[in-house]
């Protein structure tokens, strides 16, 4: 069996946790983030080609 002071500490902590969870909460309306700007790739944009030779013999 636990000593009485430890039982009392556990009871106090449970009451404090219950009290915190019972407090009313207010949710603030936050502004929507701006839409992301999509970069569209043009067909004329420069693209590179890489050829990797693994030394096949």
N, C-alpha and C. Protein backbone atom coordinates (compact mmCIF):
# COMPACT_ATOMS: atom_id res chain seq x y z
N UNK A 1 0.85 -1.18 0.00
CA UNK A 1 0.00 0.00 0.00
C UNK A 1 0.89 1.24 0.00
N UNK A 2 0.45 2.27 -0.68
CA UNK A 2 1.21 3.51 -0.76
C UNK A 2 1.03 4.34 0.50
N UNK A 3 2.06 5.10 0.85
CA UNK A 3 1.92 5.99 2.01
C UNK A 3 0.84 7.06 1.73
N UNK A 4 0.18 7.54 2.78
CA UNK A 4 -0.91 8.51 2.59
C UNK A 4 -0.51 9.79 1.87
N UNK A 5 0.72 10.27 2.06
CA UNK A 5 1.11 11.53 1.41
C UNK A 5 1.24 11.34 -0.10
N UNK A 6 1.63 10.15 -0.54
CA UNK A 6 1.73 9.89 -1.98
C UNK A 6 0.32 9.81 -2.58
N UNK A 7 -0.60 9.17 -1.88
CA UNK A 7 -1.98 9.09 -2.34
C UNK A 7 -2.57 10.49 -2.45
N UNK A 8 -2.27 11.35 -1.48
CA UNK A 8 -2.77 12.72 -1.50
C UNK A 8 -2.18 13.50 -2.68
N UNK A 9 -0.92 13.31 -2.97
CA UNK A 9 -0.29 13.98 -4.12
C UNK A 9 -0.94 13.54 -5.43
N UNK A 10 -1.19 12.25 -5.57
CA UNK A 10 -1.83 11.73 -6.79
C UNK A 10 -3.22 12.34 -6.93
N UNK A 11 -3.98 12.40 -5.84
CA UNK A 11 -5.32 12.97 -5.87
C UNK A 11 -5.29 14.44 -6.28
N UNK A 12 -4.32 15.21 -5.74
CA UNK A 12 -4.20 16.64 -6.08
C UNK A 12 -3.87 16.81 -7.57
N UNK A 13 -2.96 15.99 -8.07
CA UNK A 13 -2.59 16.09 -9.48
C UNK A 13 -3.77 15.75 -10.38
N UNK A 14 -4.56 14.74 -10.01
CA UNK A 14 -5.74 14.40 -10.80
C UNK A 14 -6.76 15.52 -10.78
N UNK A 15 -6.95 16.16 -9.64
CA UNK A 15 -7.89 17.28 -9.55
C UNK A 15 -7.41 18.46 -10.39
N UNK A 16 -6.12 18.75 -10.36
CA UNK A 16 -5.58 19.85 -11.17
C UNK A 16 -5.75 19.55 -12.66
N UNK A 17 -5.50 18.31 -13.06
CA UNK A 17 -5.66 17.94 -14.46
C UNK A 17 -7.13 18.05 -14.88
N UNK A 18 -8.03 17.64 -14.01
CA UNK A 18 -9.46 17.74 -14.30
C UNK A 18 -9.88 19.21 -14.40
N UNK A 19 -9.35 20.04 -13.52
CA UNK A 19 -9.69 21.46 -13.53
C UNK A 19 -9.20 22.13 -14.82
N UNK A 20 -7.99 21.78 -15.27
CA UNK A 20 -7.45 22.36 -16.51
C UNK A 20 -8.28 21.94 -17.71
N UNK A 21 -8.73 20.70 -17.72
CA UNK A 21 -9.50 20.23 -18.88
C UNK A 21 -10.91 20.80 -18.89
N UNK A 22 -11.42 21.25 -17.75
CA UNK A 22 -12.76 21.80 -17.68
C UNK A 22 -12.81 23.29 -18.02
N UNK A 23 -11.68 23.94 -18.13
CA UNK A 23 -11.67 25.36 -18.42
C UNK A 23 -12.18 25.60 -19.84
N UNK A 24 -13.00 26.63 -20.02
CA UNK A 24 -13.52 26.91 -21.37
C UNK A 24 -12.39 27.34 -22.31
N UNK A 25 -12.58 27.02 -23.56
CA UNK A 25 -11.58 27.38 -24.58
C UNK A 25 -12.24 28.21 -25.64
N UNK A 26 -11.50 29.12 -26.18
CA UNK A 26 -11.98 29.97 -27.26
C UNK A 26 -11.10 29.75 -28.47
N UNK A 27 -11.71 29.34 -29.56
CA UNK A 27 -10.94 29.14 -30.79
C UNK A 27 -11.03 30.41 -31.62
N UNK A 28 -9.89 30.94 -31.96
CA UNK A 28 -9.83 32.18 -32.74
C UNK A 28 -9.87 31.85 -34.22
N UNK A 29 -10.64 32.63 -34.97
CA UNK A 29 -10.63 32.41 -36.43
C UNK A 29 -9.31 32.92 -37.00
N UNK A 30 -8.58 32.05 -37.61
CA UNK A 30 -7.30 32.42 -38.20
C UNK A 30 -7.48 32.66 -39.68
N UNK A 31 -6.77 33.64 -40.24
CA UNK A 31 -6.89 33.88 -41.69
C UNK A 31 -6.33 32.70 -42.47
N UNK A 32 -6.94 32.45 -43.60
CA UNK A 32 -6.48 31.37 -44.46
C UNK A 32 -5.12 31.75 -45.04
N UNK A 33 -4.20 30.80 -45.13
CA UNK A 33 -2.91 31.11 -45.74
C UNK A 33 -3.09 31.42 -47.22
N UNK A 34 -2.25 32.29 -47.77
CA UNK A 34 -2.39 32.62 -49.20
C UNK A 34 -2.13 31.39 -50.05
N UNK A 35 -2.80 31.29 -51.19
CA UNK A 35 -2.58 30.12 -52.05
C UNK A 35 -1.15 30.10 -52.57
N UNK A 36 -0.65 28.91 -52.70
CA UNK A 36 0.73 28.77 -53.21
C UNK A 36 0.75 29.05 -54.70
N UNK A 37 1.79 29.72 -55.11
CA UNK A 37 1.95 30.03 -56.53
C UNK A 37 2.64 28.84 -57.18
N UNK A 38 1.97 28.28 -58.17
CA UNK A 38 2.56 27.14 -58.87
C UNK A 38 3.36 27.64 -60.05
N UNK A 39 4.58 27.18 -60.12
CA UNK A 39 5.40 27.50 -61.29
C UNK A 39 5.10 26.48 -62.36
N UNK A 40 4.66 26.97 -63.49
CA UNK A 40 4.40 26.06 -64.59
C UNK A 40 5.62 26.04 -65.49
N UNK A 41 6.01 24.84 -65.86
CA UNK A 41 7.17 24.68 -66.73
C UNK A 41 6.74 24.89 -68.18
N UNK A 42 7.45 25.75 -68.85
CA UNK A 42 7.18 25.98 -70.27
C UNK A 42 7.84 24.87 -71.07
N UNK A 43 7.26 24.57 -72.21
CA UNK A 43 7.88 23.58 -73.08
C UNK A 43 9.20 24.09 -73.62
N UNK A 44 9.36 25.41 -73.64
CA UNK A 44 10.58 26.00 -74.18
C UNK A 44 11.66 26.16 -73.11
N UNK A 45 11.35 25.77 -71.86
CA UNK A 45 12.36 25.94 -70.83
C UNK A 45 13.51 24.97 -71.07
N UNK A 46 14.67 25.37 -70.63
CA UNK A 46 15.85 24.56 -70.88
C UNK A 46 15.87 23.37 -69.92
N UNK A 47 15.96 22.20 -70.49
CA UNK A 47 16.06 20.99 -69.69
C UNK A 47 17.31 20.27 -70.12
N UNK A 48 17.94 19.62 -69.18
CA UNK A 48 19.17 18.92 -69.48
C UNK A 48 18.96 17.42 -69.50
N UNK A 49 19.86 16.74 -70.14
CA UNK A 49 19.87 15.29 -70.19
C UNK A 49 21.19 14.83 -69.65
N UNK A 50 21.16 13.88 -68.75
CA UNK A 50 22.39 13.35 -68.15
C UNK A 50 22.50 11.89 -68.57
N UNK A 51 23.66 11.55 -69.12
CA UNK A 51 23.93 10.17 -69.51
C UNK A 51 25.00 9.66 -68.57
N UNK A 52 24.68 8.56 -67.88
CA UNK A 52 25.64 7.98 -66.93
C UNK A 52 26.11 6.65 -67.50
N UNK A 53 27.41 6.56 -67.73
CA UNK A 53 27.99 5.32 -68.24
C UNK A 53 28.55 4.57 -67.05
N UNK A 54 28.00 3.41 -66.77
CA UNK A 54 28.43 2.62 -65.62
C UNK A 54 29.59 1.69 -65.97
N UNK A 55 30.17 1.92 -67.10
CA UNK A 55 31.35 1.14 -67.49
C UNK A 55 31.00 -0.28 -67.89
N UNK A 56 29.90 -0.43 -68.60
CA UNK A 56 29.52 -1.78 -69.03
C UNK A 56 30.52 -2.27 -70.07
N UNK A 57 31.13 -3.42 -69.84
CA UNK A 57 32.11 -3.96 -70.78
C UNK A 57 31.74 -5.35 -71.21
